[in-house]
């Protein structure tokens, strides 16, 4: 039964990813058909607000919650981790709800250019905060290797939110559609709350829960620092690139970057939902090394298959998902996809550190790779090379992947011992 459950967890990741992409495409098509460009912009702004608030509602602890839940077996400690996440949610609600409601008119003006949409700001704020426990329970379920149930709960919320949003989009009501979309996590909360009851976690004592708050925030802090640093590097490079090569070249770069983000989202979903929980629970070094090696082979094959499909059907795919105007961006996109193959080792190195309780090391790897990419891109831009972004992306990940490979192989050889043991480890 264990292999069957493992295959089910693995299969649920691409299934959820495909469902998520399908929902995004469906929303885009309906918005293009039934809303004006301006109305679509307002809908997108409010959806982005909901996305940010979903993150803030639980203090950015989702991934840390998965890791912490996976690293312990004692139900009392799992309950304490859940209790800590709920305390963070309560604190976030106390901090966010009042100011966001008080300044809802100003937020409306920033988002859509006028103050009249303030009721939508308040509604999205309250819905996003209310859905926080659903995120927490999904994180606990994933950490306890209930990935199928966790992703099913998220899919139910996404399905409901998308369906109701499409109804209002057809009616030409973008603000109501955005509020409807933000209501989906409430269904996730119901489904995940019911499922987490099966774990039979007792209510943790306040003292035990409080002691778990700081460890969770260490993980969210690592993600916050790397996310902020990524934004600074990208926005800075894009501004410099626009000045030197123009808006059209920048558009090609952003399109290639966006496609790369979409293709690596599946890798990221696999790492968060499957890889982290497994590595956190593996104490045997040799077994962990073999598992990492298998995951690298699977991840590299996945990214290579995306590159192969694009190499043969690039013009069709670009015309279908973007437009014929982006055909000249194909070389940029293809080069980015080469970098996506290399980034598998970088991602595994980062999240192995994360899963083993070293969020600072996780952040250092990410920041070092981004810094190297930024330096290479900046130098190439100064030399007048319009290929600077994609070449820097490939080069930085190649360097990080090489370093990670050397460290991994050295550790692998030490942990597996004799040549015969190494042979067994590679073929396991």
Protein backbone atom coordinates (compact mmCIF):
# COMPACT_ATOMS: atom_id res chain seq x y z
CA UNK A 1 0.00 0.00 0.00
CA UNK A 2 2.87 2.40 0.70
CA UNK A 3 4.01 2.55 -2.97
CA UNK A 4 0.40 3.14 -4.04
CA UNK A 5 0.05 6.03 -1.60
CA UNK A 6 3.36 7.48 -2.76
CA UNK A 7 2.26 7.30 -6.40
CA UNK A 8 -1.05 8.92 -5.47
CA UNK A 9 0.78 11.79 -3.78
CA UNK A 10 3.07 12.19 -6.78
CA UNK A 11 0.18 12.05 -9.26
CA UNK A 12 -1.88 14.59 -7.35
CA UNK A 13 0.79 17.28 -7.80
CA UNK A 14 0.69 17.51 -11.64
CA UNK A 15 -3.09 16.99 -11.55
CA UNK A 16 -3.54 20.00 -9.28
CA UNK A 17 -1.06 22.01 -11.32
CA UNK A 18 -3.00 21.31 -14.55
CA UNK A 19 -6.25 22.24 -12.83
CA UNK A 20 -4.72 25.49 -11.53
CA UNK A 21 -3.40 26.44 -14.98
CA UNK A 22 -6.74 25.56 -16.60
CA UNK A 23 -8.58 27.80 -14.12
CA UNK A 24 -6.18 30.67 -14.85
CA UNK A 25 -6.61 30.28 -18.63
CA UNK A 26 -10.39 30.07 -18.27
CA UNK A 27 -10.48 33.27 -16.23
CA UNK A 28 -8.26 35.01 -18.78
CA UNK A 29 -10.41 33.94 -21.73
CA UNK A 30 -13.68 34.98 -20.06
CA UNK A 31 -12.20 38.32 -18.98
CA UNK A 32 -11.04 38.99 -22.53
CA UNK A 33 -14.51 38.13 -23.87
CA UNK A 34 -16.80 39.87 -21.39
CA UNK A 35 -14.79 42.67 -19.77
CA UNK A 36 -13.12 45.74 -21.18
CA UNK A 37 -9.37 46.05 -20.82
CA UNK A 38 -9.88 48.53 -17.99
CA UNK A 39 -12.33 46.25 -16.18
CA UNK A 40 -9.93 43.33 -16.55
CA UNK A 41 -7.21 45.49 -15.00
CA UNK A 42 -9.43 46.22 -11.99
CA UNK A 43 -10.31 42.54 -11.58
CA UNK A 44 -6.62 41.58 -11.77
CA UNK A 45 -5.67 44.21 -9.20
CA UNK A 46 -8.19 42.93 -6.66
CA UNK A 47 -7.16 39.31 -7.28
CA UNK A 48 -3.55 40.36 -6.62
CA UNK A 49 -4.69 42.04 -3.40
CA UNK A 50 -6.35 38.77 -2.34
CA UNK A 51 -3.15 36.83 -3.16
CA UNK A 52 -1.03 39.14 -1.00
CA UNK A 53 -3.54 39.04 1.86
CA UNK A 54 -3.69 35.23 1.74
CA UNK A 55 0.06 35.21 2.29
CA UNK A 56 -0.07 37.79 5.09
CA UNK A 57 -3.04 36.12 6.81
CA UNK A 58 -0.79 33.32 8.07
CA UNK A 59 2.40 35.35 8.30
CA UNK A 60 3.92 33.64 5.27
CA UNK A 61 4.39 30.41 7.23
CA UNK A 62 2.80 27.93 4.77
CA UNK A 63 6.02 26.23 3.66
CA UNK A 64 7.54 26.35 7.12
CA UNK A 65 4.38 24.75 8.47
CA UNK A 66 4.75 21.84 6.01
CA UNK A 67 8.37 21.37 7.03
CA UNK A 68 7.72 21.55 10.78
CA UNK A 69 4.72 19.20 10.59
CA UNK A 70 6.77 16.68 8.63
CA UNK A 71 9.78 16.74 10.95
CA UNK A 72 7.99 15.40 14.04
CA UNK A 73 6.00 12.24 14.80
CA UNK A 74 4.62 13.06 18.23
CA UNK A 75 0.94 14.13 17.79
CA UNK A 76 1.33 16.53 20.72
CA UNK A 77 4.12 18.40 18.90
CA UNK A 78 2.12 18.46 15.67
CA UNK A 79 -0.77 19.93 17.63
CA UNK A 80 1.58 22.55 19.10
CA UNK A 81 2.78 23.51 15.60
CA UNK A 82 -0.82 23.84 14.44
CA UNK A 83 -1.58 25.93 17.52
CA UNK A 84 1.41 28.21 16.81
CA UNK A 85 0.20 28.77 13.24
CA UNK A 86 -3.27 29.64 14.54
CA UNK A 87 -1.73 32.11 16.99
CA UNK A 88 0.16 33.74 14.10
CA UNK A 89 -3.10 33.92 12.14
CA UNK A 90 -4.88 35.61 15.06
CA UNK A 91 -2.01 38.10 15.39
CA UNK A 92 -2.08 38.83 11.66
CA UNK A 93 -5.83 39.38 11.78
CA UNK A 94 -5.50 41.85 14.66
CA UNK A 95 -2.77 43.75 12.82
CA UNK A 96 -4.31 43.78 9.33
CA UNK A 97 -8.09 44.02 9.54
CA UNK A 98 -8.41 47.39 11.29
CA UNK A 99 -5.95 49.40 9.15
CA UNK A 100 -7.07 47.83 5.85
CA UNK A 101 -10.72 48.59 6.58
CA UNK A 102 -9.89 52.08 7.86
CA UNK A 103 -7.86 52.94 4.75
CA UNK A 104 -10.03 50.99 2.31
CA UNK A 105 -10.87 54.09 0.27
CA UNK A 106 -7.22 55.03 -0.15
CA UNK A 107 -6.37 51.42 -1.08
CA UNK A 108 -9.20 51.46 -3.63
CA UNK A 109 -7.76 54.63 -5.19
CA UNK A 110 -4.30 53.04 -5.45
CA UNK A 111 -5.62 49.82 -6.97
CA UNK A 112 -8.25 51.07 -9.43
CA UNK A 113 -7.83 54.85 -9.56
CA UNK A 114 -10.93 55.82 -7.58
CA UNK A 115 -12.21 55.50 -4.02
CA UNK A 116 -15.61 54.00 -4.85
CA UNK A 117 -14.49 50.36 -4.70
CA UNK A 118 -13.78 50.44 -0.96
CA UNK A 119 -16.53 47.86 -0.15
CA UNK A 120 -14.65 45.35 -2.34
CA UNK A 121 -11.42 46.08 -0.47
CA UNK A 122 -13.11 45.37 2.87
CA UNK A 123 -14.86 42.23 1.59
CA UNK A 124 -11.64 40.79 0.13
CA UNK A 125 -9.77 41.62 3.33
CA UNK A 126 -12.28 39.84 5.55
CA UNK A 127 -12.56 36.82 3.24
CA UNK A 128 -8.79 36.45 2.92
CA UNK A 129 -8.24 36.65 6.67
CA UNK A 130 -11.13 34.26 7.37
CA UNK A 131 -9.60 31.67 5.04
CA UNK A 132 -6.33 31.60 7.00
CA UNK A 133 -7.07 28.44 9.02
CA UNK A 134 -7.74 26.59 5.77
CA UNK A 135 -4.19 27.33 4.64
CA UNK A 136 -2.87 26.16 8.01
CA UNK A 137 -4.77 22.88 7.86
CA UNK A 138 -3.64 22.27 4.27
CA UNK A 139 -0.05 22.82 5.41
CA UNK A 140 -0.45 20.35 8.28
CA UNK A 141 -2.02 17.78 5.94
CA UNK A 142 0.83 18.12 3.43
CA UNK A 143 3.40 17.85 6.19
CA UNK A 144 1.76 14.67 7.47
CA UNK A 145 1.94 13.28 3.88
CA UNK A 146 -1.79 13.76 3.25
CA UNK A 147 -0.90 15.59 0.04
CA UNK A 148 -3.85 14.26 -1.97
CA UNK A 149 -6.36 15.55 0.59
CA UNK A 150 -4.54 18.86 0.96
CA UNK A 151 -4.50 19.53 -2.78
CA UNK A 152 -8.09 18.33 -3.11
CA UNK A 153 -9.18 20.88 -0.50
CA UNK A 154 -7.32 23.62 -2.36
CA UNK A 155 -8.81 22.47 -5.68
CA UNK A 156 -12.36 22.60 -4.25
CA UNK A 157 -11.82 26.20 -3.16
CA UNK A 158 -10.26 27.13 -6.50
CA UNK A 159 -13.09 25.47 -8.43
CA UNK A 160 -15.79 27.24 -6.41
CA UNK A 161 -14.07 30.63 -6.49
CA UNK A 162 -13.41 30.41 -10.23
CA UNK A 163 -16.95 29.24 -11.03
CA UNK A 164 -18.65 32.04 -9.10
CA UNK A 165 -16.18 34.60 -10.48
CA UNK A 166 -16.98 33.51 -14.06
CA UNK A 167 -20.68 34.10 -13.37
CA UNK A 168 -20.02 37.73 -12.41
CA UNK A 169 -17.51 38.21 -15.24
CA UNK A 170 -20.19 37.23 -17.77
CA UNK A 171 -22.45 39.84 -16.13
CA UNK A 172 -19.70 42.46 -16.56
CA UNK A 173 -19.13 42.94 -12.80
CA UNK A 174 -15.35 42.75 -12.21
CA UNK A 175 -15.43 43.83 -8.56
CA UNK A 176 -18.06 41.25 -7.61
CA UNK A 177 -16.08 38.64 -9.57
CA UNK A 178 -12.94 39.43 -7.57
CA UNK A 179 -14.83 39.16 -4.26
CA UNK A 180 -16.33 35.85 -5.42
CA UNK A 181 -12.90 34.53 -6.34
CA UNK A 182 -11.61 35.52 -2.89
CA UNK A 183 -14.41 33.53 -1.26
CA UNK A 184 -13.13 30.20 -2.60
CA UNK A 185 -10.71 29.60 0.31
CA UNK A 186 -13.69 29.35 2.67
CA UNK A 187 -14.61 26.04 1.04
CA UNK A 188 -10.98 24.97 1.30
CA UNK A 189 -11.22 25.74 5.02
CA UNK A 190 -14.27 23.47 5.40
CA UNK A 191 -12.77 20.54 3.46
CA UNK A 192 -9.31 20.83 5.04
CA UNK A 193 -10.77 21.30 8.53
CA UNK A 194 -12.80 18.12 8.14
CA UNK A 195 -9.76 16.21 6.85
CA UNK A 196 -7.39 17.42 9.55
CA UNK A 197 -9.84 16.10 12.12
CA UNK A 198 -8.79 12.64 10.97
CA UNK A 199 -5.31 13.29 12.35
CA UNK A 200 -6.86 13.34 15.84
CA UNK A 201 -4.80 16.27 17.06
CA UNK A 202 -5.67 17.50 20.54
CA UNK A 203 -5.88 21.18 21.35
CA UNK A 204 -2.35 22.19 22.30
CA UNK A 205 -1.52 24.02 25.49
CA UNK A 206 -0.84 27.71 25.03
CA UNK A 207 2.74 27.43 26.31
CA UNK A 208 3.66 24.64 23.85
CA UNK A 209 2.09 26.54 20.96
CA UNK A 210 3.88 29.78 21.84
CA UNK A 211 7.24 27.97 21.83
CA UNK A 212 6.61 26.92 18.21
CA UNK A 213 5.80 30.44 16.98
CA UNK A 214 9.41 31.61 16.61
CA UNK A 215 10.58 28.53 14.61
CA UNK A 216 7.70 29.03 12.18
CA UNK A 217 8.52 32.70 11.78
CA UNK A 218 12.17 31.81 11.03
CA UNK A 219 10.99 29.95 7.94
CA UNK A 220 8.62 32.72 6.87
CA UNK A 221 11.43 35.23 7.42
CA UNK A 222 13.70 33.28 5.06
CA UNK A 223 11.02 33.33 2.37
CA UNK A 224 10.30 37.00 2.96
CA UNK A 225 13.94 38.02 2.64
CA UNK A 226 14.52 36.01 -0.55
CA UNK A 227 11.25 37.20 -2.12
CA UNK A 228 12.08 40.83 -1.37
CA UNK A 229 15.63 40.46 -2.66
CA UNK A 230 14.36 38.78 -5.84
CA UNK A 231 11.97 41.67 -6.47
CA UNK A 232 14.71 44.27 -5.98
CA UNK A 233 17.13 42.49 -8.35
CA UNK A 234 14.52 41.92 -11.07
CA UNK A 235 12.99 45.40 -10.98
CA UNK A 236 16.44 46.99 -10.98
CA UNK A 237 17.71 44.91 -13.90
CA UNK A 238 14.52 45.45 -15.90
CA UNK A 239 14.73 49.20 -15.48
CA UNK A 240 18.37 49.21 -16.62
CA UNK A 241 17.57 46.84 -19.52
CA UNK A 242 14.70 49.05 -20.76
CA UNK A 243 17.00 52.06 -20.88
CA UNK A 244 19.57 50.21 -22.98
CA UNK A 245 17.48 47.97 -25.24
CA UNK A 246 13.95 49.42 -25.30
CA UNK A 247 10.47 48.36 -24.27
CA UNK A 248 10.03 45.69 -26.96
CA UNK A 249 13.15 43.76 -25.90
CA UNK A 250 12.04 44.10 -22.28
CA UNK A 251 8.63 42.68 -23.23
CA UNK A 252 10.31 39.62 -24.75
CA UNK A 253 12.37 39.14 -21.60
CA UNK A 254 9.35 39.45 -19.30
CA UNK A 255 7.35 37.02 -21.47
CA UNK A 256 10.19 34.46 -21.36
CA UNK A 257 10.57 34.98 -17.61
CA UNK A 258 6.83 34.47 -17.13
CA UNK A 259 6.80 31.24 -19.15
CA UNK A 260 9.80 30.03 -17.16
CA UNK A 261 7.93 30.81 -13.94
CA UNK A 262 4.92 28.79 -15.11
CA UNK A 263 7.02 25.78 -16.15
CA UNK A 264 8.95 25.79 -12.87
CA UNK A 265 5.76 26.15 -10.82
CA UNK A 266 5.16 22.43 -11.28
CA UNK A 267 8.68 21.73 -10.00
CA UNK A 268 8.07 24.05 -7.07
CA UNK A 269 4.73 22.43 -6.27
CA UNK A 270 6.37 19.01 -6.30
CA UNK A 271 9.17 20.20 -4.01
CA UNK A 272 6.86 21.86 -1.48
CA UNK A 273 4.10 19.25 -1.39
CA UNK A 274 6.17 16.07 -1.74
CA UNK A 275 9.92 16.58 -1.45
CA UNK A 276 10.14 18.72 1.71
CA UNK A 277 7.94 16.46 3.83
CA UNK A 278 9.92 13.36 2.79
CA UNK A 279 13.39 14.82 3.31
CA UNK A 280 12.40 16.26 6.68
CA UNK A 281 11.43 12.79 7.86
CA UNK A 282 14.53 10.95 6.54
CA UNK A 283 17.19 10.65 9.24
CA UNK A 284 19.33 8.04 7.48
CA UNK A 285 21.94 9.91 5.41
CA UNK A 286 22.40 7.29 2.70
CA UNK A 287 18.67 6.83 2.21
CA UNK A 288 18.22 10.60 2.00
CA UNK A 289 20.98 10.87 -0.63
CA UNK A 290 19.34 8.19 -2.78
CA UNK A 291 15.99 9.91 -2.50
CA UNK A 292 17.52 13.26 -3.54
CA UNK A 293 19.21 11.62 -6.52
CA UNK A 294 15.93 10.10 -7.70
CA UNK A 295 14.12 13.42 -7.27
CA UNK A 296 16.83 15.21 -9.25
CA UNK A 297 16.48 12.69 -12.10
CA UNK A 298 12.69 13.14 -12.12
CA UNK A 299 12.89 16.94 -11.94
CA UNK A 300 15.55 17.21 -14.65
CA UNK A 301 13.54 14.88 -16.91
CA UNK A 302 10.44 17.01 -16.36
CA UNK A 303 12.17 20.28 -17.22
CA UNK A 304 13.99 18.68 -20.17
CA UNK A 305 10.69 17.40 -21.55
CA UNK A 306 9.27 20.94 -21.44
CA UNK A 307 12.33 22.17 -23.36
CA UNK A 308 11.96 19.33 -25.89
CA UNK A 309 8.26 20.06 -26.53
CA UNK A 310 8.96 23.76 -26.95
CA UNK A 311 11.84 23.06 -29.35
CA UNK A 312 9.47 21.19 -31.68
CA UNK A 313 6.24 23.15 -31.20
CA UNK A 314 7.47 26.60 -30.11
CA UNK A 315 5.72 28.74 -32.76
CA UNK A 316 2.38 27.01 -32.14
CA UNK A 317 2.65 27.29 -28.37
CA UNK A 318 3.73 30.94 -28.46
CA UNK A 319 0.88 31.85 -30.82
CA UNK A 320 -1.62 29.91 -28.69
CA UNK A 321 -0.67 31.16 -25.23
CA UNK A 322 0.75 34.57 -26.15
CA UNK A 323 0.43 35.90 -29.69
CA UNK A 324 2.30 35.89 -32.99
CA UNK A 325 3.92 39.16 -31.91
CA UNK A 326 6.04 37.16 -29.44
CA UNK A 327 7.51 34.74 -32.01
CA UNK A 328 10.80 36.72 -32.01
CA UNK A 329 11.06 35.94 -28.25
CA UNK A 330 11.40 32.19 -28.92
CA UNK A 331 15.23 32.11 -28.59
CA UNK A 332 14.93 33.94 -25.26
CA UNK A 333 12.29 31.48 -24.04
CA UNK A 334 14.32 28.47 -25.17
CA UNK A 335 17.44 29.71 -23.38
CA UNK A 336 15.42 30.26 -20.21
CA UNK A 337 14.18 26.67 -20.44
CA UNK A 338 17.79 25.45 -20.53
CA UNK A 339 18.29 27.38 -17.30
CA UNK A 340 15.15 25.70 -15.90
CA UNK A 341 16.81 22.28 -16.37
CA UNK A 342 19.88 23.50 -14.48
CA UNK A 343 17.81 25.07 -11.71
CA UNK A 344 16.62 21.64 -10.53
CA UNK A 345 19.89 21.11 -8.60
CA UNK A 346 19.72 24.66 -7.21
CA UNK A 347 16.15 24.16 -6.03
CA UNK A 348 16.91 20.79 -4.44
CA UNK A 349 19.94 22.24 -2.65
CA UNK A 350 17.84 25.11 -1.29
CA UNK A 351 14.92 23.00 -0.15
CA UNK A 352 17.09 20.23 1.26
CA UNK A 353 18.53 22.86 3.58
CA UNK A 354 15.01 24.09 4.28
CA UNK A 355 13.70 20.58 4.99
CA UNK A 356 16.64 19.84 7.31
CA UNK A 357 15.82 22.87 9.45
CA UNK A 358 18.31 25.37 7.98
CA UNK A 359 16.25 28.27 6.58
CA UNK A 360 19.26 30.63 6.70
CA UNK A 361 21.22 28.29 4.41
CA UNK A 362 18.19 28.15 2.12
CA UNK A 363 18.17 31.95 1.90
CA UNK A 364 21.94 32.13 1.35
CA UNK A 365 21.80 29.77 -1.65
CA UNK A 366 18.93 31.71 -3.22
CA UNK A 367 20.50 35.12 -2.63
CA UNK A 368 23.92 33.99 -3.85
CA UNK A 369 22.44 32.62 -7.10
CA UNK A 370 20.40 35.78 -7.67
CA UNK A 371 23.40 38.00 -6.93
CA UNK A 372 25.56 36.10 -9.41
CA UNK A 373 22.81 36.32 -12.02
CA UNK A 374 22.46 40.07 -11.42
CA UNK A 375 26.21 40.68 -11.73
CA UNK A 376 26.52 38.66 -14.95
CA UNK A 377 23.45 40.32 -16.46
CA UNK A 378 24.66 43.80 -15.54
CA UNK A 379 28.10 43.21 -17.07
CA UNK A 380 26.60 41.83 -20.29
CA UNK A 381 24.19 44.76 -20.51
CA UNK A 382 27.09 47.20 -20.20
CA UNK A 383 28.75 45.34 -23.07
CA UNK A 384 25.62 45.88 -25.17
CA UNK A 385 24.47 42.25 -25.31
CA UNK A 386 20.62 42.04 -25.46
CA UNK A 387 20.84 38.35 -24.48
CA UNK A 388 22.10 39.39 -21.03
CA UNK A 389 19.07 38.24 -18.94
CA UNK A 390 18.77 34.72 -20.32
CA UNK A 391 22.53 34.11 -20.47
CA UNK A 392 22.90 35.31 -16.89
CA UNK A 393 20.06 33.02 -15.76
CA UNK A 394 21.72 29.98 -17.38
CA UNK A 395 25.23 30.86 -16.18
CA UNK A 396 24.22 31.54 -12.55
CA UNK A 397 22.27 28.30 -12.27
CA UNK A 398 25.08 26.38 -13.98
CA UNK A 399 27.55 27.61 -11.36
CA UNK A 400 25.22 26.85 -8.44
CA UNK A 401 24.31 23.45 -9.90
CA UNK A 402 28.00 22.58 -10.33
CA UNK A 403 28.82 23.49 -6.74
CA UNK A 404 25.77 21.63 -5.44
CA UNK A 405 26.70 18.57 -7.53
CA UNK A 406 30.25 18.44 -6.17
CA UNK A 407 29.02 18.78 -2.57
CA UNK A 408 26.30 16.19 -3.10
CA UNK A 409 28.59 13.64 -4.77
CA UNK A 410 31.21 14.02 -2.04
CA UNK A 411 28.58 13.48 0.62
CA UNK A 412 27.03 10.63 -1.36
CA UNK A 413 30.34 8.78 -1.65
CA UNK A 414 31.04 9.22 2.06
CA UNK A 415 27.56 8.06 3.10
CA UNK A 416 27.43 4.97 0.86
CA UNK A 417 30.91 3.72 1.76
CA UNK A 418 32.33 0.93 -0.40
CA UNK A 419 32.16 0.72 -4.20
CA UNK A 420 29.63 -2.10 -3.98
CA UNK A 421 27.46 -0.04 -1.67
CA UNK A 422 27.69 2.91 -4.06
CA UNK A 423 26.58 0.70 -6.91
CA UNK A 424 23.61 -0.49 -4.88
CA UNK A 425 22.75 3.09 -3.91
CA UNK A 426 22.72 4.32 -7.50
CA UNK A 427 20.52 1.46 -8.67
CA UNK A 428 18.12 1.50 -5.72
